[in-house]
Amino acid sequence: MKKIIFALCILISFISGFAFKSATDGSEDRLKRVTGIGGIFFKCKDPKKMREWYSDHLGLQTNEYGAVFEWYQGTDNSKKGFSQWSPFSEKTKYFQPSEKDFMINYRVEHLEKLVEELKKENVTIVDKIESYEYGKFVHIMDIEGNKIELWEPNDVEYEKLGKSMNSKTTK
């Protein structure tokens, strides 16, 4: 009987410790970082011809900026999400100070909080946060000199902007 009581005490201690750790680990307060791909941008000789080629051969619904992919968010599959695909002129300065021919845009939440954390981690912040109706943006550099765009999207306004431009999305 003593062995059973002893085993139960150990089990209760283990469960209590696990419950306490789960309740106090701060997971509710943990800052989400990247939540998805917001866009892929790349340099090319002729962006117009590139958009036409992708439209003709791969079926992308292109507009003057590239193409927008429409999808539903995994965390709430009733909400739409969007990712941008954009060819840029090979002469663009938008990717600077990076020397690379591409830039990736990542979707994030709580951009201001994330930027503060990245500063503490000595990540190079290229510019200040810019706000538009369709979201907030900032650029950072990774350890190999790739410029990265962080976007806290407002997908509702982003969709309205696309509709006002009479743009179709690729689904």
Protein backbone atom coordinates (compact mmCIF):
# COMPACT_ATOMS: atom_id res chain seq x y z
CA MET A 1 0.00 0.00 0.00
CA LYS A 2 2.89 2.36 0.82
CA LYS A 3 4.30 1.75 -2.67
CA ILE A 4 0.97 2.69 -4.27
CA ILE A 5 0.68 5.89 -2.20
CA PHE A 6 4.32 6.71 -2.96
CA ALA A 7 3.73 6.15 -6.71
CA LEU A 8 0.57 8.30 -6.62
CA CYS A 9 2.48 11.09 -4.84
CA ILE A 10 5.16 11.02 -7.53
CA LEU A 11 2.52 11.02 -10.27
CA ILE A 12 0.60 13.92 -8.68
CA SER A 13 3.87 15.87 -8.24
CA PHE A 14 4.78 15.29 -11.88
CA ILE A 15 1.33 16.35 -13.14
CA SER A 16 1.29 19.40 -10.85
CA GLY A 17 4.74 20.44 -12.03
CA PHE A 18 3.77 20.02 -15.67
CA ALA A 19 0.56 22.03 -15.13
CA PHE A 20 2.49 24.79 -13.34
CA LYS A 21 5.10 24.98 -16.11
CA SER A 22 2.39 25.09 -18.78
CA ALA A 23 0.56 27.86 -16.93
CA THR A 24 3.70 29.95 -16.39
CA ASP A 25 5.79 29.38 -19.52
CA GLY A 26 4.53 32.61 -21.13
CA SER A 27 3.43 30.90 -24.34
CA GLU A 28 0.43 33.24 -24.47
CA ASP A 29 2.79 36.20 -24.36
CA ARG A 30 5.33 34.74 -26.78
CA LEU A 31 5.77 37.01 -29.79
CA LYS A 32 4.90 35.42 -33.12
CA ARG A 33 7.49 36.22 -35.71
CA VAL A 34 7.01 35.15 -39.34
CA THR A 35 3.54 33.79 -40.11
CA GLY A 36 3.96 33.21 -43.85
CA ILE A 37 5.38 34.39 -47.15
CA GLY A 38 4.08 37.82 -48.08
CA GLY A 39 5.82 38.06 -51.42
CA ILE A 40 8.69 37.18 -53.70
CA PHE A 41 10.41 39.96 -55.60
CA PHE A 42 13.14 39.49 -58.20
CA LYS A 43 15.08 41.47 -60.78
CA CYS A 44 14.79 40.81 -64.50
CA LYS A 45 15.61 42.53 -67.80
CA ASP A 46 12.00 43.20 -68.83
CA PRO A 47 9.33 43.01 -66.09
CA LYS A 48 6.45 43.52 -68.56
CA LYS A 49 7.55 40.60 -70.75
CA MET A 50 8.16 38.52 -67.63
CA ARG A 51 4.60 39.17 -66.36
CA GLU A 52 3.22 38.29 -69.81
CA TRP A 53 5.24 35.06 -69.98
CA TYR A 54 4.04 33.92 -66.55
CA SER A 55 0.46 34.83 -67.48
CA ASP A 56 0.57 33.05 -70.85
CA HIS A 57 2.46 29.93 -69.79
CA LEU A 58 1.72 29.44 -66.09
CA GLY A 59 -1.69 31.11 -65.81
CA LEU A 60 -0.81 33.84 -63.31
CA GLN A 61 -3.39 36.63 -63.14
CA THR A 62 -0.94 39.50 -63.60
CA ASN A 63 -1.27 43.25 -63.21
CA GLU A 64 1.20 46.11 -63.51
CA TYR A 65 2.92 45.03 -60.26
CA GLY A 66 3.07 41.27 -60.84
CA ALA A 67 0.54 38.81 -59.45
CA VAL A 68 -1.31 38.31 -56.19
CA PHE A 69 -1.91 34.83 -54.82
CA GLU A 70 -5.07 34.46 -52.77
CA TRP A 71 -5.32 31.78 -50.10
CA TYR A 72 -7.03 31.10 -46.78
CA GLN A 73 -5.19 31.45 -43.51
CA GLY A 74 -4.39 28.27 -41.62
CA THR A 75 -5.06 29.78 -38.20
CA ASP A 76 -8.50 30.94 -39.31
CA ASN A 77 -9.53 29.41 -42.61
CA SER A 78 -12.42 31.85 -42.94
CA LYS A 79 -9.93 34.71 -43.49
CA LYS A 80 -8.24 35.36 -46.81
CA GLY A 81 -4.53 35.96 -47.07
CA PHE A 82 -2.46 37.29 -49.95
CA SER A 83 1.07 36.90 -51.26
CA GLN A 84 2.62 39.14 -53.91
CA TRP A 85 4.84 38.00 -56.79
CA SER A 86 6.67 40.86 -58.51
CA PRO A 87 9.34 41.09 -61.18
CA PHE A 88 11.36 44.32 -60.89
CA SER A 89 13.65 46.02 -63.39
CA GLU A 90 17.22 44.81 -63.12
CA LYS A 91 18.13 48.46 -62.45
CA THR A 92 15.88 48.86 -59.38
CA LYS A 93 17.41 50.31 -56.26
CA TYR A 94 14.57 48.96 -54.11
CA PHE A 95 16.60 45.94 -52.98
CA GLN A 96 19.53 48.08 -51.77
CA PRO A 97 21.64 47.92 -49.71
CA SER A 98 21.50 44.23 -50.75
CA GLU A 99 23.45 43.28 -53.84
CA LYS A 100 21.13 40.31 -54.48
CA ASP A 101 18.66 39.97 -57.34
CA PHE A 102 15.77 38.96 -55.10
CA MET A 103 13.97 39.97 -51.93
CA ILE A 104 11.50 37.99 -49.87
CA ASN A 105 8.61 39.59 -48.01
CA TYR A 106 7.50 37.80 -44.86
CA ARG A 107 4.10 38.23 -43.23
CA VAL A 108 4.37 39.02 -39.50
CA GLU A 109 2.18 40.03 -36.58
CA HIS A 110 2.83 42.94 -34.19
CA LEU A 111 5.53 44.57 -36.33
CA GLU A 112 6.47 47.24 -33.78
CA LYS A 113 7.08 44.65 -31.03
CA LEU A 114 9.00 42.44 -33.43
CA VAL A 115 11.26 45.30 -34.52
CA GLU A 116 12.04 46.09 -30.87
CA GLU A 117 13.00 42.44 -30.29
CA LEU A 118 15.12 42.37 -33.45
CA LYS A 119 16.98 45.50 -32.30
CA LYS A 120 17.77 43.77 -29.00
CA GLU A 121 19.12 40.85 -31.03
CA ASN A 122 21.37 43.23 -33.03
CA VAL A 123 19.55 42.63 -36.33
CA THR A 124 20.18 45.43 -38.85
CA ILE A 125 17.00 47.44 -39.33
CA VAL A 126 17.33 49.25 -42.68
CA ASP A 127 14.57 51.83 -42.33
CA LYS A 128 11.61 52.97 -40.25
CA ILE A 129 8.23 51.28 -40.19
CA GLU A 130 5.95 52.66 -42.90
CA SER A 131 2.18 52.37 -42.56
CA TYR A 132 -0.40 52.16 -45.31
CA GLU A 133 -4.06 51.17 -45.25
CA TYR A 134 -3.09 47.66 -46.41
CA GLY A 135 -0.35 47.12 -43.82
CA LYS A 136 2.90 48.13 -42.18
CA PHE A 137 6.36 47.50 -43.63
CA VAL A 138 9.98 47.58 -42.56
CA HIS A 139 13.18 46.21 -44.05
CA ILE A 140 15.94 44.27 -42.31
CA MET A 141 19.15 42.54 -43.40
CA ASP A 142 20.02 38.91 -42.76
CA ILE A 143 23.54 37.72 -41.96
CA GLU A 144 24.44 37.26 -45.64
CA GLY A 145 23.32 40.70 -46.78
CA ASN A 146 19.87 39.77 -48.09
CA LYS A 147 17.35 42.54 -47.67
CA ILE A 148 14.12 41.22 -46.18
CA GLU A 149 10.78 43.00 -46.14
CA LEU A 150 8.56 42.42 -43.11
CA TRP A 151 4.86 43.09 -43.63
CA GLU A 152 2.11 43.21 -41.04
CA PRO A 153 -0.78 42.90 -43.48
CA ASN A 154 -4.27 44.26 -43.36
CA ASP A 155 -5.70 41.69 -45.78
CA VAL A 156 -9.16 43.28 -45.87
CA GLU A 157 -7.74 46.58 -47.11
CA TYR A 158 -5.27 44.79 -49.39
CA GLU A 159 -8.16 43.02 -51.10
CA LYS A 160 -10.07 46.32 -51.43
CA LEU A 161 -7.00 47.91 -53.07
CA GLY A 162 -6.80 45.07 -55.59
CA LYS A 163 -10.50 45.34 -56.40
CA SER A 164 -10.18 49.13 -56.86
CA MET A 165 -7.42 48.43 -59.41
CA ASN A 166 -9.68 45.85 -61.08
CA SER A 167 -7.01 43.21 -60.45
CA LYS A 168 -7.73 39.50 -60.30
CA THR A 169 -5.94 37.17 -57.94
CA THR A 170 -4.32 33.86 -58.77
CA LYS A 171 -6.11 31.14 -56.80
